[in-house]
Amino acid sequence: MMSDEPAQSSTVSTAAVEMLWRGDVIGAIKVVRVERNLGLKEAKDLVDAYIRSQPSLRQKMEQTQAGCGRS
């Protein structure tokens, strides 16, 4: 077991993960804030870390963001 980082620090709930896959980062941050009783910055950092740890999710989100700028 890796002791450098608490196990829960990089995991988010299923509800938050589902929101991320739908592209709702703000919703996922809100869920994490409520579930973990965290401040905005801490919840955002946790969600960002989760996204970075999931290459397929990160790629999907980048493609979605790139497509939003087009008409």
C-alpha atoms as a PDB file:
ATOM      1  CA  MET A   1       0.000   0.000   0.000  1.00  0.00           C
ATOM      2  CA  MET A   2       1.275   3.440  -0.903  1.00  0.00           C
ATOM      3  CA  SER A   3       1.499   5.680   2.131  1.00  0.00           C
ATOM      4  CA  ASP A   4       2.423   8.887   0.300  1.00  0.00           C
ATOM      5  CA  GLU A   5      -1.217   9.691  -0.378  1.00  0.00           C
ATOM      6  CA  PRO A   6      -4.380   8.728   1.489  1.00  0.00           C
ATOM      7  CA  ALA A   7      -6.397   6.201  -0.508  1.00  0.00           C
ATOM      8  CA  GLN A   8      -9.505   8.395  -0.526  1.00  0.00           C
ATOM      9  CA  SER A   9      -7.694  11.498  -1.782  1.00  0.00           C
ATOM     10  CA  SER A  10      -7.804  10.505  -5.449  1.00  0.00           C
ATOM     11  CA  THR A  11     -11.156   8.735  -5.500  1.00  0.00           C
ATOM     12  CA  VAL A  12     -14.490  10.370  -5.988  1.00  0.00           C
ATOM     13  CA  SER A  13     -17.971   8.910  -5.638  1.00  0.00           C
ATOM     14  CA  THR A  14     -19.813   7.146  -8.416  1.00  0.00           C
ATOM     15  CA  ALA A  15     -22.223  10.078  -8.644  1.00  0.00           C
ATOM     16  CA  ALA A  16     -19.346  12.509  -9.220  1.00  0.00           C
ATOM     17  CA  VAL A  17     -17.730  10.196 -11.790  1.00  0.00           C
ATOM     18  CA  GLU A  18     -21.010   9.936 -13.706  1.00  0.00           C
ATOM     19  CA  MET A  19     -21.263  13.721 -13.770  1.00  0.00           C
ATOM     20  CA  LEU A  20     -17.712  13.977 -15.090  1.00  0.00           C
ATOM     21  CA  TRP A  21     -18.474  11.524 -17.901  1.00  0.00           C
ATOM     22  CA  ARG A  22     -21.433  13.749 -18.834  1.00  0.00           C
ATOM     23  CA  GLY A  23     -19.083  16.726 -18.868  1.00  0.00           C
ATOM     24  CA  ASP A  24     -20.517  18.313 -15.708  1.00  0.00           C
ATOM     25  CA  VAL A  25     -17.336  19.236 -13.842  1.00  0.00           C
ATOM     26  CA  ILE A  26     -19.089  21.853 -11.712  1.00  0.00           C
ATOM     27  CA  GLY A  27     -21.728  19.342 -10.653  1.00  0.00           C
ATOM     28  CA  ALA A  28     -19.030  16.825  -9.734  1.00  0.00           C
ATOM     29  CA  ILE A  29     -17.228  19.436  -7.628  1.00  0.00           C
ATOM     30  CA  LYS A  30     -20.494  20.247  -5.830  1.00  0.00           C
ATOM     31  CA  VAL A  31     -21.086  16.560  -5.080  1.00  0.00           C
ATOM     32  CA  VAL A  32     -17.546  16.128  -3.742  1.00  0.00           C
ATOM     33  CA  ARG A  33     -17.921  19.248  -1.559  1.00  0.00           C
ATOM     34  CA  VAL A  34     -21.082  17.909   0.052  1.00  0.00           C
ATOM     35  CA  GLU A  35     -19.918  14.298   0.405  1.00  0.00           C
ATOM     36  CA  ARG A  36     -16.503  15.148   1.817  1.00  0.00           C
ATOM     37  CA  ASN A  37     -17.419  18.388   3.616  1.00  0.00           C
ATOM     38  CA  LEU A  38     -14.658  20.243   1.742  1.00  0.00           C
ATOM     39  CA  GLY A  39     -14.170  23.804   0.633  1.00  0.00           C
ATOM     40  CA  LEU A  40     -14.426  24.768  -3.021  1.00  0.00           C
ATOM     41  CA  LYS A  41     -10.672  24.723  -3.678  1.00  0.00           C
ATOM     42  CA  GLU A  42     -10.148  21.357  -2.003  1.00  0.00           C
ATOM     43  CA  ALA A  43     -13.060  19.780  -3.882  1.00  0.00           C
ATOM     44  CA  LYS A  44     -11.875  21.239  -7.207  1.00  0.00           C
ATOM     45  CA  ASP A  45      -8.335  19.975  -6.575  1.00  0.00           C
ATOM     46  CA  LEU A  46      -9.683  16.497  -5.806  1.00  0.00           C
ATOM     47  CA  VAL A  47     -11.813  16.415  -8.956  1.00  0.00           C
ATOM     48  CA  ASP A  48      -8.908  17.742 -11.058  1.00  0.00           C
ATOM     49  CA  ALA A  49      -6.619  15.049  -9.636  1.00  0.00           C
ATOM     50  CA  TYR A  50      -9.184  12.381 -10.475  1.00  0.00           C
ATOM     51  CA  ILE A  51      -9.496  13.664 -14.053  1.00  0.00           C
ATOM     52  CA  ARG A  52      -5.697  13.624 -14.421  1.00  0.00           C
ATOM     53  CA  SER A  53      -5.624  10.020 -13.162  1.00  0.00           C
ATOM     54  CA  GLN A  54      -8.144   8.875 -15.797  1.00  0.00           C
ATOM     55  CA  PRO A  55      -6.668   9.330 -19.313  1.00  0.00           C
ATOM     56  CA  SER A  56      -9.831   8.229 -21.150  1.00  0.00           C
ATOM     57  CA  LEU A  57     -12.009  10.644 -19.159  1.00  0.00           C
ATOM     58  CA  ARG A  58      -9.504  13.450 -19.655  1.00  0.00           C
ATOM     59  CA  GLN A  59      -9.414  12.837 -23.410  1.00  0.00           C
ATOM     60  CA  LYS A  60     -13.229  12.813 -23.626  1.00  0.00           C
ATOM     61  CA  MET A  61     -13.460  16.072 -21.692  1.00  0.00           C
ATOM     62  CA  GLU A  62     -10.854  17.749 -23.901  1.00  0.00           C
ATOM     63  CA  GLN A  63     -12.747  16.656 -27.026  1.00  0.00           C
ATOM     64  CA  THR A  64     -16.031  17.930 -25.566  1.00  0.00           C
ATOM     65  CA  GLN A  65     -14.502  21.299 -24.680  1.00  0.00           C
ATOM     66  CA  ALA A  66     -12.954  21.625 -28.135  1.00  0.00           C
ATOM     67  CA  GLY A  67     -16.339  20.916 -29.739  1.00  0.00           C
ATOM     68  CA  CYS A  68     -18.163  23.515 -27.629  1.00  0.00           C
ATOM     69  CA  GLY A  69     -16.409  26.402 -29.334  1.00  0.00           C
ATOM     70  CA  ARG A  70     -17.728  25.430 -32.749  1.00  0.00           C
ATOM     71  CA  SER A  71     -21.086  26.465 -34.196  1.00  0.00           C
END
